[in-house]
Protein backbone atom coordinates (compact mmCIF):
# COMPACT_ATOMS: atom_id res chain seq x y z
CA MET A 1 4.60 -17.40 12.20
CA ALA A 2 5.25 -19.25 15.62
CA VAL A 3 7.76 -17.61 18.04
CA PRO A 4 9.02 -19.56 20.98
CA GLN A 5 8.88 -17.76 24.25
CA ASN A 6 12.27 -17.38 24.32
CA LEU A 7 14.50 -18.11 21.21
CA LEU A 8 17.95 -16.54 22.14
CA THR A 9 18.17 -17.72 25.51
CA GLY A 10 15.46 -20.60 26.48
CA HIS A 11 16.23 -23.74 27.78
CA SER A 12 16.19 -26.89 25.24
CA ASN A 13 14.44 -29.38 27.45
CA PRO A 14 11.75 -31.12 26.10
CA TYR A 15 10.84 -32.54 29.73
CA TRP A 16 10.53 -28.89 31.03
CA HIS A 17 8.84 -27.54 28.42
CA ASN A 18 6.07 -30.24 28.01
CA THR A 19 5.93 -29.87 31.91
CA ASN A 20 4.87 -26.26 31.70
CA ASN A 21 8.35 -24.54 31.69
CA LEU A 22 7.56 -22.30 28.27
CA ASN A 23 10.46 -20.44 28.64
CA SER A 24 12.46 -22.68 25.94
CA ILE A 25 13.44 -22.64 22.05
CA PHE A 26 10.27 -24.42 21.10
CA THR A 27 6.89 -23.95 20.01
CA SER A 28 4.47 -26.61 20.51
CA TRP A 29 2.67 -28.03 18.19
CA THR A 30 -0.25 -31.31 17.74
CA ILE A 31 -0.98 -34.10 15.34
CA TYR A 32 -5.07 -33.43 16.82
CA LYS A 33 -6.69 -30.80 15.22
CA SER A 34 -9.48 -31.02 17.49
CA PHE A 35 -7.21 -30.77 20.46
CA ALA A 36 -5.64 -27.43 18.93
CA ALA A 37 -9.15 -26.12 18.27
CA ARG A 38 -10.10 -26.62 22.08
CA TRP A 39 -6.97 -24.63 22.86
CA ALA A 40 -7.64 -21.94 20.18
CA GLY A 41 -11.05 -21.32 22.46
CA LYS A 42 -10.29 -21.77 25.46
CA ASN A 43 -10.61 -17.84 26.10
CA GLY A 44 -13.93 -17.62 24.24
CA TRP A 45 -15.33 -18.03 20.86
CA GLY A 46 -12.71 -18.71 17.95
CA GLY A 47 -8.78 -18.28 17.82
CA ILE A 48 -6.82 -19.19 14.91
CA ILE A 49 -4.91 -22.38 14.37
CA LEU A 50 -1.63 -22.99 12.01
CA THR A 51 -1.30 -25.84 10.35
CA LYS A 52 1.77 -26.93 8.88
CA LYS A 53 3.52 -30.33 7.51
CA PHE A 54 7.13 -31.42 9.32
CA GLN A 55 9.78 -33.22 7.94
CA LYS A 56 11.23 -35.68 10.17
CA TRP A 57 14.47 -34.51 11.19
CA GLN A 58 12.71 -30.73 11.98
CA VAL A 59 10.80 -32.57 14.87
CA GLN A 60 11.99 -32.64 18.21
CA LEU A 61 9.41 -35.58 19.94
CA SER A 62 7.86 -34.63 23.14
CA PRO A 63 7.63 -36.61 26.12
CA ASP A 64 3.99 -35.99 25.96
CA LEU A 65 2.96 -36.31 29.29
CA PHE A 66 -0.49 -35.29 28.97
CA ARG A 67 -1.37 -37.30 25.95
CA GLN A 68 -1.87 -34.11 23.81
CA GLY A 69 -0.27 -35.30 20.68
CA GLU A 70 2.66 -32.50 21.35
CA VAL A 71 5.26 -32.18 19.25
CA LEU A 72 8.21 -29.56 19.52
CA ILE A 73 9.39 -27.62 16.99
CA PRO A 74 12.55 -25.94 17.54
CA GLY A 75 13.12 -21.88 16.72
CA VAL A 76 10.87 -20.14 14.21
CA VAL A 77 8.22 -21.58 12.75
CA SER A 78 7.23 -19.73 9.14
CA GLY A 79 5.06 -20.37 6.27
CA ALA A 80 2.30 -22.41 8.38
CA LYS A 81 -1.35 -21.75 7.26
CA PRO A 82 -3.56 -19.96 9.89
CA GLU A 83 -7.29 -21.35 9.96
CA ASN A 84 -10.28 -20.07 12.14
CA ALA A 85 -10.85 -22.36 14.70
CA ARG A 86 -14.16 -23.44 15.59
CA PRO A 87 -13.83 -25.74 18.57
CA SER A 88 -17.68 -27.21 17.64
CA ASN A 89 -16.79 -27.93 14.36
CA TYR A 90 -13.75 -30.73 15.37
């Protein structure tokens, strides 16, 4: 399950979220598995990647200023598949 940092009173501005104001109603996702693996392992070996296919109506496009393949999903996301991230494998 992925839960936004501030579901109840967070902002809903995709630009603010993309520029690191994470006090929002969004969770961040990427279309690049290799990018997810790199972030999952940023504090050491391993980590978890959550994968899920979303419908177009569920996705809030991100300005993606950092070219991370970011899309934003408002609210809590359930039903995502967890897998071990091994950055060297992607």
